[in-house]
Amino acid sequence: MAIGRVLVAVACALMLTAPSTAAAPSQDRPGRATMTMAYEVGDLAAVVHAPRTLVDVGPLVFGNDLTAPLLAQQGAIVVVVHDRWSVDRHRELWRALDERSGPLAERFAGFAGHFTVVQP
C-alpha cells in the first residue's frame, strides 16, 4: 500500500514538473531568430533587421517597420529608412559594404557576402 502511494506521488510530481506543450515554439510560425541594429553615417540613419545567423546570400531590401521583422525571419536583410529620399544613398553604403569598404565596413563586416542589393 505504501509503495502504491509513493508511485502515485512520483507520477504526480513528474506530471507537474514536465515541460508544458503550450510553451513549445509554434510550428505555425517557422522562421529564423533575428537581430536589430541601427546606424548613423553623417545625416543618414537607418535600422537594420536581419537573421541572427547569416549563412546564405539573401536579399537586401528597403522596408518599413511593419514588414521588416517578418522579412528578416525569412532570411532578408531589411534596412528601414524613414527618409525615402535618401534610399539611394543608403543603397550605395551597402554596395560599398559588400566590397568590404565604406563607413559600414567595421560595424557590419559580417554582412559582407551575405546579401544582394535588390532594386526598389
Protein backbone atom coordinates (compact mmCIF):
# COMPACT_ATOMS: atom_id res chain seq x y z
CA MET A 1 0.00 0.00 0.00
CA ALA A 2 2.83 2.45 0.86
CA ILE A 3 4.58 1.65 -2.42
CA GLY A 4 1.38 2.48 -4.31
CA ARG A 5 1.23 5.89 -2.64
CA VAL A 6 4.89 6.54 -3.45
CA LEU A 7 4.31 5.63 -7.11
CA VAL A 8 1.28 7.91 -7.30
CA ALA A 9 3.28 10.74 -5.70
CA VAL A 10 6.15 10.22 -8.17
CA ALA A 11 3.75 10.16 -11.12
CA CYS A 12 2.10 13.39 -9.92
CA ALA A 13 5.47 15.05 -9.45
CA LEU A 14 6.55 14.06 -12.96
CA MET A 15 3.35 15.45 -14.44
CA LEU A 16 3.67 18.73 -12.54
CA THR A 17 7.31 19.28 -13.50
CA ALA A 18 7.08 18.12 -17.13
CA PRO A 19 7.50 20.87 -19.71
CA SER A 20 4.24 22.28 -20.95
CA THR A 21 3.43 21.75 -24.60
CA ALA A 22 1.85 25.21 -24.58
CA ALA A 23 5.32 26.71 -24.05
CA ALA A 24 6.78 24.93 -27.06
CA PRO A 25 7.56 27.08 -30.10
CA SER A 26 4.72 27.28 -32.57
CA GLN A 27 5.20 25.25 -35.72
CA ASP A 28 2.79 27.60 -37.47
CA ARG A 29 5.35 30.43 -37.47
CA PRO A 30 8.64 28.99 -38.66
CA GLY A 31 11.44 31.48 -39.06
CA ARG A 32 14.93 32.40 -38.12
CA ALA A 33 15.91 34.27 -35.00
CA THR A 34 16.53 37.90 -35.88
CA MET A 35 18.55 40.85 -34.69
CA THR A 36 18.05 44.58 -34.94
CA MET A 37 20.86 47.11 -35.27
CA ALA A 38 20.98 50.80 -36.12
CA TYR A 39 23.49 53.01 -37.84
CA GLU A 40 24.13 56.68 -38.48
CA VAL A 41 26.52 57.89 -41.15
CA GLY A 42 26.53 61.66 -41.38
CA ASP A 43 22.92 62.67 -41.93
CA LEU A 44 21.87 59.12 -42.88
CA ALA A 45 20.19 56.95 -40.25
CA ALA A 46 18.61 53.52 -40.54
CA VAL A 47 17.53 50.49 -38.56
CA VAL A 48 18.59 47.08 -39.88
CA HIS A 49 16.62 43.88 -39.26
CA ALA A 50 18.43 40.68 -40.20
CA PRO A 51 18.64 36.97 -39.43
CA ARG A 52 20.78 36.43 -36.34
CA THR A 53 22.87 33.89 -38.24
CA LEU A 54 23.86 34.77 -41.79
CA VAL A 55 24.54 31.54 -43.66
CA ASP A 56 23.18 32.19 -47.14
CA VAL A 57 23.09 35.04 -49.57
CA GLY A 58 19.78 36.82 -49.05
CA PRO A 59 18.16 39.89 -50.45
CA LEU A 60 18.88 43.32 -49.05
CA VAL A 61 15.59 45.19 -49.13
CA PHE A 62 14.45 48.59 -48.01
CA GLY A 63 11.30 48.07 -45.99
CA ASN A 64 9.23 49.57 -43.25
CA ASP A 65 8.79 49.00 -39.53
CA LEU A 66 5.81 46.69 -40.04
CA THR A 67 7.24 44.26 -42.58
CA ALA A 68 10.91 44.28 -41.54
CA PRO A 69 10.73 41.66 -38.73
CA LEU A 70 8.82 39.16 -40.89
CA LEU A 71 11.14 39.62 -43.87
CA ALA A 72 14.16 39.16 -41.59
CA GLN A 73 12.71 35.88 -40.28
CA GLN A 74 12.51 34.73 -43.88
CA GLY A 75 16.20 35.48 -44.50
CA ALA A 76 16.23 39.04 -45.85
CA ILE A 77 18.36 41.87 -44.54
CA VAL A 78 15.93 44.76 -44.20
CA VAL A 79 17.03 48.37 -43.97
CA VAL A 80 14.35 50.69 -42.59
CA VAL A 81 14.92 54.24 -43.76
CA HIS A 82 12.43 56.89 -42.69
CA ASP A 83 13.61 59.46 -45.24
CA ARG A 84 12.61 57.87 -48.53
CA TRP A 85 14.64 60.45 -50.46
CA SER A 86 17.85 59.01 -49.02
CA VAL A 87 17.33 55.37 -50.08
CA ASP A 88 19.78 55.68 -52.99
CA ARG A 89 22.48 56.96 -50.65
CA HIS A 90 21.84 54.06 -48.22
CA ARG A 91 21.99 51.61 -51.12
CA GLU A 92 25.44 52.96 -52.03
CA LEU A 93 26.62 52.43 -48.43
CA TRP A 94 25.56 48.79 -48.65
CA ARG A 95 27.16 48.29 -52.06
CA ALA A 96 30.43 49.58 -50.58
CA LEU A 97 29.99 47.24 -47.61
CA ASP A 98 29.59 44.28 -49.97
CA GLU A 99 33.04 45.21 -51.30
CA ARG A 100 34.26 45.37 -47.67
CA SER A 101 34.77 49.13 -47.73
CA GLY A 102 32.94 52.27 -46.71
CA PRO A 103 31.65 53.55 -43.38
CA LEU A 104 29.58 50.44 -42.59
CA ALA A 105 32.51 48.04 -43.09
CA GLU A 106 33.66 47.94 -39.48
CA ARG A 107 30.33 47.50 -37.70
CA PHE A 108 28.59 45.37 -40.34
CA ALA A 109 31.61 43.41 -41.64
CA GLY A 110 29.87 40.07 -41.04
CA PHE A 111 27.13 41.04 -43.51
CA ALA A 112 29.52 41.32 -46.48
CA GLY A 113 28.97 38.50 -48.94
CA HIS A 114 25.61 37.56 -47.44
CA PHE A 115 23.30 39.84 -49.41
CA THR A 116 22.39 41.03 -52.86
CA VAL A 117 21.09 44.57 -53.28
CA VAL A 118 17.51 44.46 -54.56
CA GLN A 119 16.23 47.39 -56.57
CA PRO A 120 13.12 49.06 -55.12
